[in-house]
């Protein structure tokens, strides 16, 4: 099953082809992953880029990990 982020305030959701544990990891370390991504010539995995973009669009909102 695909997992994704769901903003409880906006009711916006985005699902990825990755695991729940990787989404939890990214959510907890978003600031570190974003900084590392700036210095990588190859860039981040697509799900990481999309996940960071989602989290940046919903600052201070309640974001939960959900299953489709």
N, C-alpha and C. Protein backbone atom coordinates (compact mmCIF):
# COMPACT_ATOMS: atom_id res chain seq x y z
N UNK A 1 0.84 -1.20 0.00
CA UNK A 1 0.00 0.00 0.00
C UNK A 1 0.87 1.25 0.00
N UNK A 2 0.47 2.24 -0.77
CA UNK A 2 1.22 3.50 -0.75
C UNK A 2 0.94 4.29 0.53
N UNK A 3 1.98 4.93 1.00
CA UNK A 3 1.86 5.80 2.17
C UNK A 3 2.10 7.23 1.72
N UNK A 4 1.60 8.17 2.51
CA UNK A 4 1.80 9.56 2.15
C UNK A 4 1.59 10.49 3.32
N UNK A 5 1.78 11.78 3.03
CA UNK A 5 1.54 12.84 4.00
C UNK A 5 0.14 13.39 3.80
N UNK A 6 -0.51 13.72 4.90
CA UNK A 6 -1.84 14.33 4.87
C UNK A 6 -1.84 15.52 5.81
N UNK A 7 -2.18 16.69 5.27
CA UNK A 7 -2.29 17.90 6.09
C UNK A 7 -3.70 17.94 6.65
N UNK A 8 -3.82 17.87 7.97
CA UNK A 8 -5.13 17.86 8.60
C UNK A 8 -5.83 19.22 8.54
N UNK A 9 -5.08 20.28 8.32
CA UNK A 9 -5.69 21.60 8.26
C UNK A 9 -6.20 21.94 6.87
N UNK A 10 -5.45 21.56 5.83
CA UNK A 10 -5.81 21.89 4.44
C UNK A 10 -6.53 20.74 3.75
N UNK A 11 -6.47 19.54 4.35
CA UNK A 11 -7.02 18.32 3.76
C UNK A 11 -6.30 17.94 2.46
N UNK A 12 -5.09 18.42 2.29
CA UNK A 12 -4.25 18.09 1.13
C UNK A 12 -3.47 16.83 1.45
N UNK A 13 -3.27 15.97 0.45
CA UNK A 13 -2.51 14.74 0.67
C UNK A 13 -1.64 14.44 -0.55
N UNK A 14 -0.54 13.76 -0.31
CA UNK A 14 0.37 13.36 -1.37
C UNK A 14 0.92 11.99 -1.00
N UNK A 15 0.83 11.04 -1.94
CA UNK A 15 1.27 9.66 -1.68
C UNK A 15 2.53 9.35 -2.46
N UNK A 16 3.35 8.47 -1.92
CA UNK A 16 4.66 8.15 -2.47
C UNK A 16 4.83 6.65 -2.62
N UNK A 17 5.84 6.26 -3.38
CA UNK A 17 6.19 4.85 -3.49
C UNK A 17 7.39 4.58 -2.57
N UNK A 18 7.14 4.72 -1.30
CA UNK A 18 8.15 4.46 -0.27
C UNK A 18 7.45 3.96 0.98
N UNK A 19 8.21 3.68 1.99
CA UNK A 19 7.64 3.09 3.21
C UNK A 19 7.24 4.15 4.23
N UNK A 20 6.40 3.74 5.16
CA UNK A 20 5.98 4.61 6.26
C UNK A 20 7.21 5.08 7.06
N UNK A 21 8.14 4.17 7.32
CA UNK A 21 9.31 4.53 8.14
C UNK A 21 10.18 5.58 7.43
N UNK A 22 10.30 5.50 6.11
CA UNK A 22 11.08 6.51 5.39
C UNK A 22 10.39 7.87 5.43
N UNK A 23 9.06 7.89 5.37
CA UNK A 23 8.33 9.16 5.47
C UNK A 23 8.47 9.76 6.86
N UNK A 24 8.43 8.91 7.88
CA UNK A 24 8.64 9.40 9.25
C UNK A 24 10.05 9.96 9.38
N UNK A 25 11.02 9.27 8.83
CA UNK A 25 12.42 9.72 8.86
C UNK A 25 12.55 11.08 8.19
N UNK A 26 11.98 11.24 7.00
CA UNK A 26 12.07 12.51 6.27
C UNK A 26 11.39 13.64 7.05
N UNK A 27 10.24 13.38 7.61
CA UNK A 27 9.51 14.41 8.35
C UNK A 27 10.32 14.91 9.54
N UNK A 28 10.97 13.99 10.25
CA UNK A 28 11.77 14.36 11.43
C UNK A 28 13.06 15.08 11.06
N UNK A 29 13.58 14.82 9.87
CA UNK A 29 14.89 15.37 9.48
C UNK A 29 14.82 16.26 8.25
N UNK A 30 13.67 16.84 7.98
CA UNK A 30 13.48 17.62 6.75
C UNK A 30 14.51 18.73 6.60
N UNK A 31 14.82 19.44 7.68
CA UNK A 31 15.78 20.54 7.59
C UNK A 31 17.18 20.04 7.22
N UNK A 32 17.55 18.87 7.71
CA UNK A 32 18.86 18.30 7.39
C UNK A 32 18.89 17.80 5.94
N UNK A 33 17.85 17.10 5.54
CA UNK A 33 17.78 16.56 4.18
C UNK A 33 17.79 17.69 3.15
N UNK A 34 17.07 18.78 3.43
CA UNK A 34 17.05 19.92 2.51
C UNK A 34 18.45 20.51 2.36
N UNK A 35 19.16 20.63 3.44
CA UNK A 35 20.53 21.19 3.39
C UNK A 35 21.47 20.27 2.63
N UNK A 36 21.40 18.98 2.89
CA UNK A 36 22.24 18.02 2.18
C UNK A 36 21.93 18.05 0.68
N UNK A 37 20.64 18.14 0.35
CA UNK A 37 20.23 18.19 -1.05
C UNK A 37 20.83 19.36 -1.81
N UNK A 38 21.06 20.46 -1.13
CA UNK A 38 21.66 21.64 -1.77
C UNK A 38 23.10 21.39 -2.20
N UNK A 39 23.75 20.45 -1.55
CA UNK A 39 25.17 20.20 -1.80
C UNK A 39 25.43 18.92 -2.60
N UNK A 40 24.38 18.25 -3.03
CA UNK A 40 24.56 17.02 -3.79
C UNK A 40 24.43 17.31 -5.28
N UNK A 41 25.41 16.90 -6.05
CA UNK A 41 25.36 17.14 -7.49
C UNK A 41 24.31 16.25 -8.17
N UNK A 42 24.03 15.10 -7.58
CA UNK A 42 23.05 14.18 -8.18
C UNK A 42 21.63 14.44 -7.70
N UNK A 43 21.47 15.25 -6.67
CA UNK A 43 20.15 15.54 -6.13
C UNK A 43 19.64 14.42 -5.25
N UNK A 44 18.46 14.63 -4.71
CA UNK A 44 17.83 13.65 -3.83
C UNK A 44 16.93 12.73 -4.64
N UNK A 45 16.51 11.63 -4.03
CA UNK A 45 15.51 10.77 -4.66
C UNK A 45 14.24 11.59 -4.89
N UNK A 46 13.48 11.23 -5.91
CA UNK A 46 12.26 11.98 -6.27
C UNK A 46 11.28 12.06 -5.10
N UNK A 47 11.10 10.96 -4.35
CA UNK A 47 10.14 10.99 -3.25
C UNK A 47 10.59 11.95 -2.16
N UNK A 48 11.90 12.10 -1.98
CA UNK A 48 12.40 13.05 -0.98
C UNK A 48 12.13 14.49 -1.42
N UNK A 49 12.41 14.78 -2.69
CA UNK A 49 12.13 16.13 -3.21
C UNK A 49 10.66 16.48 -3.07
N UNK A 50 9.79 15.55 -3.46
CA UNK A 50 8.35 15.78 -3.39
C UNK A 50 7.88 15.90 -1.94
N UNK A 51 8.43 15.07 -1.08
CA UNK A 51 8.06 15.13 0.34
C UNK A 51 8.48 16.45 0.98
N UNK A 52 9.69 16.90 0.69
CA UNK A 52 10.15 18.19 1.23
C UNK A 52 9.28 19.33 0.73
N UNK A 53 8.92 19.28 -0.55
CA UNK A 53 8.07 20.34 -1.11
C UNK A 53 6.72 20.36 -0.41
N UNK A 54 6.14 19.19 -0.16
CA UNK A 54 4.86 19.11 0.55
C UNK A 54 4.99 19.70 1.95
N UNK A 55 6.03 19.30 2.67
CA UNK A 55 6.22 19.79 4.03
C UNK A 55 6.44 21.30 4.06
N UNK A 56 7.16 21.84 3.07
CA UNK A 56 7.40 23.28 3.00
C UNK A 56 6.13 24.06 2.68
N UNK A 57 5.18 23.44 1.97
CA UNK A 57 3.91 24.11 1.64
C UNK A 57 2.97 24.19 2.84
N UNK A 58 3.24 23.43 3.88
CA UNK A 58 2.35 23.34 5.04
C UNK A 58 3.09 23.62 6.35
N UNK A 59 3.79 24.75 6.44
CA UNK A 59 4.56 25.03 7.66
C UNK A 59 3.64 25.23 8.88
N UNK A 60 3.98 24.57 9.96
CA UNK A 60 3.21 24.72 11.20
C UNK A 60 1.89 23.95 11.20
N UNK A 61 1.55 23.28 10.12
CA UNK A 61 0.31 22.52 10.06
C UNK A 61 0.52 21.12 10.65
N UNK A 62 -0.56 20.49 11.00
CA UNK A 62 -0.51 19.13 11.51
C UNK A 62 -0.45 18.16 10.32
N UNK A 63 0.73 17.56 10.12
CA UNK A 63 0.95 16.63 9.03
C UNK A 63 1.04 15.22 9.61
N UNK A 64 0.20 14.33 9.09
CA UNK A 64 0.23 12.95 9.54
C UNK A 64 0.58 12.05 8.36
N UNK A 65 1.09 10.88 8.68
CA UNK A 65 1.39 9.89 7.65
C UNK A 65 0.19 8.97 7.56
N UNK A 66 -0.28 8.77 6.33
CA UNK A 66 -1.49 8.00 6.12
C UNK A 66 -1.26 6.93 5.05
N UNK A 67 -2.15 5.99 5.02
CA UNK A 67 -2.08 4.90 4.04
C UNK A 67 -3.25 5.02 3.08
N UNK A 68 -2.98 4.84 1.82
CA UNK A 68 -4.03 4.97 0.80
C UNK A 68 -4.89 3.74 0.76
